[in-house]
Amino acid sequence: MHSPRPFRFGTGGYHVASRTKLLAFVRNMEDLGYTMYVTPDHFGASLDVGIQLMAVAEMSPTLRIGSYVFANDFRHPALLAREAAALDALSNGRFELGLGAGYLEQDYATTHIPFDPPDVRVSRLAESVTLLKRLLAGETVTMAGTYYTVTKLTNFPTPVQHPYPPLFIAGGSRRVLSLAAREADIVGLLTRSHGGKLDLTDCSAAATLQRIEWIRTAAGARFAGLELNTLVLNVTITDHRQQTADDLARRLGVPAEHLLDSNHFLIGSVDQIVEAIQMWRERFGISYIAVIREYMEALAPAVACLAGQ
């Protein structure tokens, strides 16, 4: 029987081009007990991922930093391997490489990057992962794939973490989660997405258990070593849990019971929220919780109770 992983909590993605404000945010999240700064990868929505993460690493000697997640279609994996290695080397081994197939249609529409069907984007992601891992592990790579071709390519610098920084892949579909199960160190449990938006009708505990079974099947013997992550989309502190869930469910168009047992929503008193997160680890195996920055303060009392436990 494996001991449960200690809880860890992440947030970030601050959307301002000001060093002063970013530094204040970093200091605040450290004070609240968060240990992981993460940022998404969308055009027009945040600072450049790599530059932002490097700035945070300089501002804090302890926070780990991670992409949540690099959109694979926006960078050739040879370029991303170089950036990932530099982030890891210059942060003294605190970088986690999050990678996804890309889902936000607006990013593609505004840049005219082709928004290929999901099966093509996931196939391209899978090929990218293979190339990235080989480059980051220090191989000289010659590969002629369907989407990427390189000849005698080596990467620089050498990452501090060996054989490469932890690889994080998140998704809601069976194909992406199966890829994550086979290749990643950290697997993020998301809902499905449609038209660039998360499908909140797919947020129930039953849906999460189905995803975990997909991961377990694809991972085989690897499953016990995987870290499972969830993204919390809403935190509401209240003594009227059911009423609050009913109100939120009406606004979102989903059943209230799905919100109350979902690993993407936390509603209730601080004690109830702490119990819910503990239940996530017991029932789902989730130990790494990321929360969108708007709810960083609301989740802080639970972070204080659970971080590292």
Protein backbone atom coordinates (compact mmCIF):
# COMPACT_ATOMS: atom_id res chain seq x y z
CA MET A 1 0.00 0.00 0.00
CA HIS A 2 1.50 3.32 -1.10
CA SER A 3 1.42 6.25 1.31
CA PRO A 4 -0.63 9.17 -0.05
CA ARG A 5 1.31 12.01 -1.60
CA PRO A 6 1.48 15.21 0.47
CA PHE A 7 -0.83 17.96 -0.68
CA ARG A 8 0.61 20.83 -2.66
CA PHE A 9 -1.16 23.90 -4.01
CA GLY A 10 -0.55 26.14 -7.00
CA THR A 11 -1.92 29.33 -8.47
CA GLY A 12 -0.71 32.21 -10.60
CA GLY A 13 -1.07 33.39 -14.17
CA TYR A 14 -1.06 37.03 -13.13
CA HIS A 15 -2.26 39.18 -16.04
CA VAL A 16 -0.33 42.43 -15.58
CA ALA A 17 2.81 43.78 -17.22
CA SER A 18 4.18 45.26 -14.00
CA ARG A 19 7.09 43.86 -12.02
CA THR A 20 5.86 45.60 -8.86
CA LYS A 21 2.41 44.00 -9.05
CA LEU A 22 3.80 40.60 -9.98
CA LEU A 23 6.21 40.71 -7.05
CA ALA A 24 3.38 41.62 -4.67
CA PHE A 25 1.33 38.70 -5.98
CA VAL A 26 4.24 36.28 -5.54
CA ARG A 27 4.87 37.46 -1.97
CA ASN A 28 1.18 37.08 -1.16
CA MET A 29 0.90 33.54 -2.52
CA GLU A 30 4.03 32.53 -0.59
CA ASP A 31 2.56 33.96 2.61
CA LEU A 32 -0.65 31.99 2.00
CA GLY A 33 1.21 28.69 1.69
CA TYR A 34 1.18 28.09 -2.07
CA THR A 35 4.32 26.41 -3.39
CA MET A 36 3.71 26.32 -7.16
CA TYR A 37 3.38 29.29 -9.53
CA VAL A 38 1.67 28.31 -12.77
CA THR A 39 0.57 30.27 -15.81
CA PRO A 40 -1.53 29.53 -18.91
CA ASP A 41 -0.53 30.10 -22.53
CA HIS A 42 -2.99 32.30 -24.39
CA PHE A 43 -2.52 35.22 -26.75
CA GLY A 44 -3.52 38.58 -25.35
CA ALA A 45 -4.30 37.16 -21.89
CA SER A 46 -1.06 37.07 -19.93
CA LEU A 47 2.64 37.75 -19.96
CA ASP A 48 4.84 35.49 -22.08
CA VAL A 49 5.00 32.14 -20.28
CA GLY A 50 8.77 31.67 -20.18
CA ILE A 51 9.62 35.26 -19.29
CA GLN A 52 6.93 35.35 -16.61
CA LEU A 53 8.10 32.10 -15.01
CA MET A 54 11.73 33.19 -15.03
CA ALA A 55 10.79 36.47 -13.36
CA VAL A 56 8.89 34.57 -10.65
CA ALA A 57 11.85 32.24 -10.10
CA GLU A 58 14.05 35.29 -9.53
CA MET A 59 11.52 36.84 -7.16
CA SER A 60 11.22 33.72 -5.02
CA PRO A 61 14.00 31.29 -4.09
CA THR A 62 11.54 28.53 -3.15
CA LEU A 63 8.47 28.54 -5.41
CA ARG A 64 8.35 25.94 -8.12
CA ILE A 65 7.28 27.25 -11.52
CA GLY A 66 5.28 25.63 -14.29
CA SER A 67 3.43 26.13 -17.54
CA TYR A 68 -0.27 25.29 -17.18
CA VAL A 69 0.06 24.58 -20.06
CA PHE A 70 2.18 25.41 -23.09
CA ALA A 71 -0.03 25.01 -26.18
CA ASN A 72 1.89 22.60 -28.38
CA ASP A 73 0.82 24.19 -31.66
CA PHE A 74 2.39 27.55 -30.83
CA ARG A 75 6.02 26.35 -30.73
CA HIS A 76 8.15 23.80 -32.51
CA PRO A 77 9.26 21.22 -29.89
CA ALA A 78 12.91 21.99 -30.68
CA LEU A 79 12.30 25.58 -29.58
CA LEU A 80 10.28 24.51 -26.55
CA ALA A 81 12.98 22.03 -25.46
CA ARG A 82 15.53 24.85 -25.45
CA GLU A 83 13.20 27.10 -23.41
CA ALA A 84 12.29 24.33 -20.94
CA ALA A 85 15.93 23.44 -20.35
CA ALA A 86 16.84 27.08 -19.77
CA LEU A 87 13.96 27.56 -17.32
CA ASP A 88 15.05 24.51 -15.37
CA ALA A 89 18.73 25.43 -15.36
CA LEU A 90 18.20 29.07 -14.41
CA SER A 91 15.66 28.23 -11.66
CA ASN A 92 17.99 25.60 -10.16
CA GLY A 93 15.68 22.75 -10.98
CA ARG A 94 12.29 24.20 -10.05
CA PHE A 95 10.54 24.01 -13.42
CA GLU A 96 7.66 21.69 -14.38
CA LEU A 97 6.87 21.40 -18.09
CA GLY A 98 3.14 21.48 -18.70
CA LEU A 99 2.06 20.74 -22.24
CA GLY A 100 -1.31 20.46 -23.98
CA ALA A 101 -2.77 20.06 -27.45
CA GLY A 102 -4.30 23.57 -27.51
CA TYR A 103 -8.03 24.09 -27.16
CA LEU A 104 -8.98 27.80 -27.14
CA GLU A 105 -10.30 28.46 -30.61
CA GLN A 106 -9.87 32.24 -30.28
CA ASP A 107 -6.08 31.81 -30.00
CA TYR A 108 -6.08 30.12 -33.39
CA ALA A 109 -8.60 32.48 -34.99
CA THR A 110 -6.67 35.64 -34.08
CA THR A 111 -3.27 34.28 -35.16
CA HIS A 112 -4.46 32.19 -38.15
CA ILE A 113 -2.60 29.20 -36.78
CA PRO A 114 -4.57 26.26 -38.22
CA PHE A 115 -7.06 24.88 -35.69
CA ASP A 116 -6.91 21.27 -36.77
CA PRO A 117 -9.40 18.62 -35.62
CA PRO A 118 -8.77 17.19 -32.13
CA ASP A 119 -7.31 13.92 -33.40
CA VAL A 120 -4.68 15.80 -35.42
CA ARG A 121 -3.77 18.12 -32.55
CA VAL A 122 -3.42 15.21 -30.14
CA SER A 123 -1.35 13.20 -32.63
CA ARG A 124 0.93 16.20 -33.04
CA LEU A 125 1.18 16.55 -29.26
CA ALA A 126 2.17 12.89 -28.92
CA GLU A 127 4.94 13.29 -31.49
CA SER A 128 6.10 16.49 -29.81
CA VAL A 129 6.31 14.75 -26.42
CA THR A 130 8.54 12.04 -27.88
CA LEU A 131 10.92 14.62 -29.38
CA LEU A 132 10.92 16.84 -26.29
CA LYS A 133 11.78 14.02 -23.91
CA ARG A 134 14.67 12.84 -26.07
CA LEU A 135 16.10 16.34 -26.47
CA LEU A 136 15.76 17.21 -22.78
CA ALA A 137 17.39 13.90 -21.82
CA GLY A 138 20.51 14.95 -23.73
CA GLU A 139 20.21 12.83 -26.85
CA THR A 140 21.36 13.94 -30.28
CA VAL A 141 18.15 13.35 -32.18
CA THR A 142 17.45 12.47 -35.79
CA MET A 143 13.74 11.89 -36.35
CA ALA A 144 11.45 12.04 -39.36
CA GLY A 145 7.91 12.13 -38.06
CA THR A 146 4.52 13.01 -39.47
CA TYR A 147 4.67 16.53 -38.06
CA TYR A 148 8.28 17.17 -37.01
CA THR A 149 11.60 16.35 -38.62
CA VAL A 150 15.01 17.06 -37.05
CA THR A 151 18.52 15.95 -38.02
CA LYS A 152 21.37 15.51 -35.54
CA LEU A 153 19.76 18.02 -33.18
CA THR A 154 21.11 18.54 -29.68
CA ASN A 155 19.62 20.70 -26.95
CA PHE A 156 21.24 23.30 -24.68
CA PRO A 157 21.53 23.74 -21.75
CA THR A 158 21.35 20.54 -19.69
CA PRO A 159 18.37 20.59 -17.29
CA VAL A 160 19.12 20.38 -13.57
CA GLN A 161 16.39 17.76 -13.06
CA HIS A 162 17.19 14.38 -14.58
CA PRO A 163 16.44 13.01 -17.01
CA TYR A 164 14.30 16.11 -17.65
CA PRO A 165 11.92 18.43 -15.75
CA PRO A 166 8.68 16.72 -14.62
CA LEU A 167 6.27 16.51 -17.54
CA PHE A 168 2.67 17.58 -16.87
CA ILE A 169 -0.13 16.83 -19.33
CA ALA A 170 -3.76 17.71 -18.62
CA GLY A 171 -6.93 16.89 -20.46
CA GLY A 172 -10.48 15.63 -20.41
CA SER A 173 -10.55 13.18 -23.31
CA ARG A 174 -9.57 9.55 -23.15
CA ARG A 175 -6.89 9.98 -25.80
CA VAL A 176 -5.10 12.88 -24.09
CA LEU A 177 -5.31 11.27 -20.67
CA SER A 178 -4.01 7.98 -22.04
CA LEU A 179 -1.05 9.82 -23.57
CA ALA A 180 -0.46 11.52 -20.21
CA ALA A 181 -0.67 8.17 -18.43
CA ARG A 182 2.01 6.69 -20.67
CA GLU A 183 4.36 9.66 -20.90
CA ALA A 184 3.84 12.25 -18.13
CA ASP A 185 4.87 12.45 -14.49
CA ILE A 186 1.87 14.59 -13.51
CA VAL A 187 -1.62 14.15 -14.99
CA GLY A 188 -4.17 16.95 -14.82
CA LEU A 189 -7.85 15.98 -14.63
CA LEU A 190 -9.97 18.44 -16.62
CA THR A 191 -13.43 18.32 -18.12
CA ARG A 192 -13.93 17.97 -21.84
CA SER A 193 -13.88 21.17 -23.89
CA HIS A 194 -16.15 22.27 -26.71
CA GLY A 195 -15.53 25.31 -28.89
CA GLY A 196 -12.76 26.50 -26.64
CA LYS A 197 -14.77 26.27 -23.41
CA LEU A 198 -14.70 23.70 -20.64
CA ASP A 199 -17.84 21.55 -20.57
CA LEU A 200 -19.10 21.98 -17.01
CA THR A 201 -21.80 19.35 -17.53
CA ASP A 202 -18.85 16.93 -17.47
CA CYS A 203 -17.59 17.85 -13.99
CA SER A 204 -19.23 15.16 -11.82
CA ALA A 205 -17.41 12.68 -9.59
CA ALA A 206 -18.56 9.89 -11.91
CA ALA A 207 -16.86 11.60 -14.85
CA THR A 208 -13.66 11.98 -12.82
CA LEU A 209 -13.69 8.32 -11.81
CA GLN A 210 -14.08 7.38 -15.47
CA ARG A 211 -11.05 9.50 -16.36
CA ILE A 212 -8.98 7.92 -13.61
CA GLU A 213 -9.87 4.48 -14.94
CA TRP A 214 -8.69 5.53 -18.42
CA ILE A 215 -5.42 6.69 -16.86
CA ARG A 216 -5.02 3.53 -14.81
CA THR A 217 -5.60 1.32 -17.86
CA ALA A 218 -3.13 3.20 -20.07
CA ALA A 219 -0.48 3.65 -17.37
CA GLY A 220 -0.27 0.06 -16.21
CA ALA A 221 2.61 -0.28 -13.75
CA ARG A 222 3.34 3.45 -14.06
CA PHE A 223 0.07 4.40 -12.37
CA ALA A 224 1.37 4.19 -8.79
CA GLY A 225 4.08 6.75 -9.58
CA LEU A 226 1.83 9.34 -11.20
CA GLU A 227 0.84 12.56 -9.43
CA LEU A 228 -2.77 13.58 -10.11
CA ASN A 229 -3.77 17.22 -10.38
CA THR A 230 -7.04 19.11 -10.57
CA LEU A 231 -7.89 22.70 -11.47
CA VAL A 232 -10.37 24.39 -9.10
CA LEU A 233 -12.59 26.83 -10.97
CA ASN A 234 -14.58 28.27 -8.06
CA VAL A 235 -14.21 28.50 -4.27
CA THR A 236 -17.16 29.82 -2.24
CA ILE A 237 -16.92 30.04 1.54
CA THR A 238 -20.43 29.79 2.98
CA ASP A 239 -22.43 28.29 5.82
CA HIS A 240 -25.29 27.62 3.37
CA ARG A 241 -23.69 25.01 1.15
CA GLN A 242 -26.74 23.58 -0.58
CA GLN A 243 -28.38 26.93 -1.27
CA THR A 244 -25.15 28.35 -2.66
CA ALA A 245 -24.64 25.27 -4.85
CA ASP A 246 -28.22 25.54 -6.12
CA ASP A 247 -27.72 29.20 -7.06
CA LEU A 248 -24.40 28.55 -8.81
CA ALA A 249 -25.79 25.50 -10.60
CA ARG A 250 -28.66 27.55 -12.05
CA ARG A 251 -26.20 30.11 -13.39
CA LEU A 252 -23.94 27.45 -14.91
CA GLY A 253 -26.69 25.17 -16.17
CA VAL A 254 -25.46 22.05 -14.38
CA PRO A 255 -26.96 19.91 -11.60
CA ALA A 256 -26.11 21.15 -8.11
CA GLU A 257 -25.10 17.66 -7.01
CA HIS A 258 -22.40 17.67 -9.70
CA LEU A 259 -20.90 20.82 -8.23
CA LEU A 260 -20.98 19.44 -4.70
CA ASP A 261 -19.12 16.25 -5.59
CA SER A 262 -16.92 17.76 -8.32
CA ASN A 263 -13.16 18.13 -8.00
CA HIS A 264 -13.41 21.49 -9.80
CA PHE A 265 -15.65 23.32 -7.29
CA LEU A 266 -15.33 23.92 -3.56
CA ILE A 267 -18.45 25.17 -1.75
CA GLY A 268 -19.02 25.28 1.99
CA SER A 269 -17.41 26.25 5.25
CA VAL A 270 -13.63 26.09 5.58
CA ASP A 271 -13.98 22.79 7.45
CA GLN A 272 -16.20 21.37 4.70
CA ILE A 273 -13.74 22.47 2.03
CA VAL A 274 -10.83 20.89 3.91
CA GLU A 275 -12.83 17.67 4.18
CA ALA A 276 -13.68 17.78 0.47
CA ILE A 277 -10.00 18.11 -0.53
CA GLN A 278 -9.07 15.25 1.79
CA MET A 279 -11.81 13.20 0.17
CA TRP A 280 -10.37 13.98 -3.30
CA ARG A 281 -7.10 12.38 -2.28
CA GLU A 282 -8.79 9.38 -0.71
CA ARG A 283 -11.30 8.78 -3.51
CA PHE A 284 -9.47 10.03 -6.61
CA GLY A 285 -5.80 10.11 -5.60
CA ILE A 286 -5.58 13.86 -6.25
CA SER A 287 -2.86 15.58 -4.21
CA TYR A 288 -1.85 18.56 -6.37
CA ILE A 289 -4.50 21.29 -6.44
CA ALA A 290 -4.28 24.34 -8.67
CA VAL A 291 -6.77 27.18 -8.27
CA ILE A 292 -7.45 30.07 -10.61
CA ARG A 293 -6.03 33.27 -9.18
CA GLU A 294 -9.43 34.87 -8.46
CA TYR A 295 -9.98 32.30 -5.70
CA MET A 296 -6.46 32.17 -4.26
CA GLU A 297 -7.47 34.07 -1.13
CA ALA A 298 -10.68 32.07 -0.62
CA LEU A 299 -8.79 28.77 -0.69
CA ALA A 300 -6.00 30.04 1.57
CA PRO A 301 -7.45 28.76 4.90
CA ALA A 302 -7.63 25.24 3.47
CA VAL A 303 -4.10 25.60 2.07
CA ALA A 304 -2.89 26.56 5.53
CA CYS A 305 -4.47 23.39 6.99
CA LEU A 306 -3.36 20.93 4.32
CA ALA A 307 -0.18 22.04 2.51
CA GLY A 308 2.51 19.42 2.93
CA GLN A 309 0.24 17.09 4.91
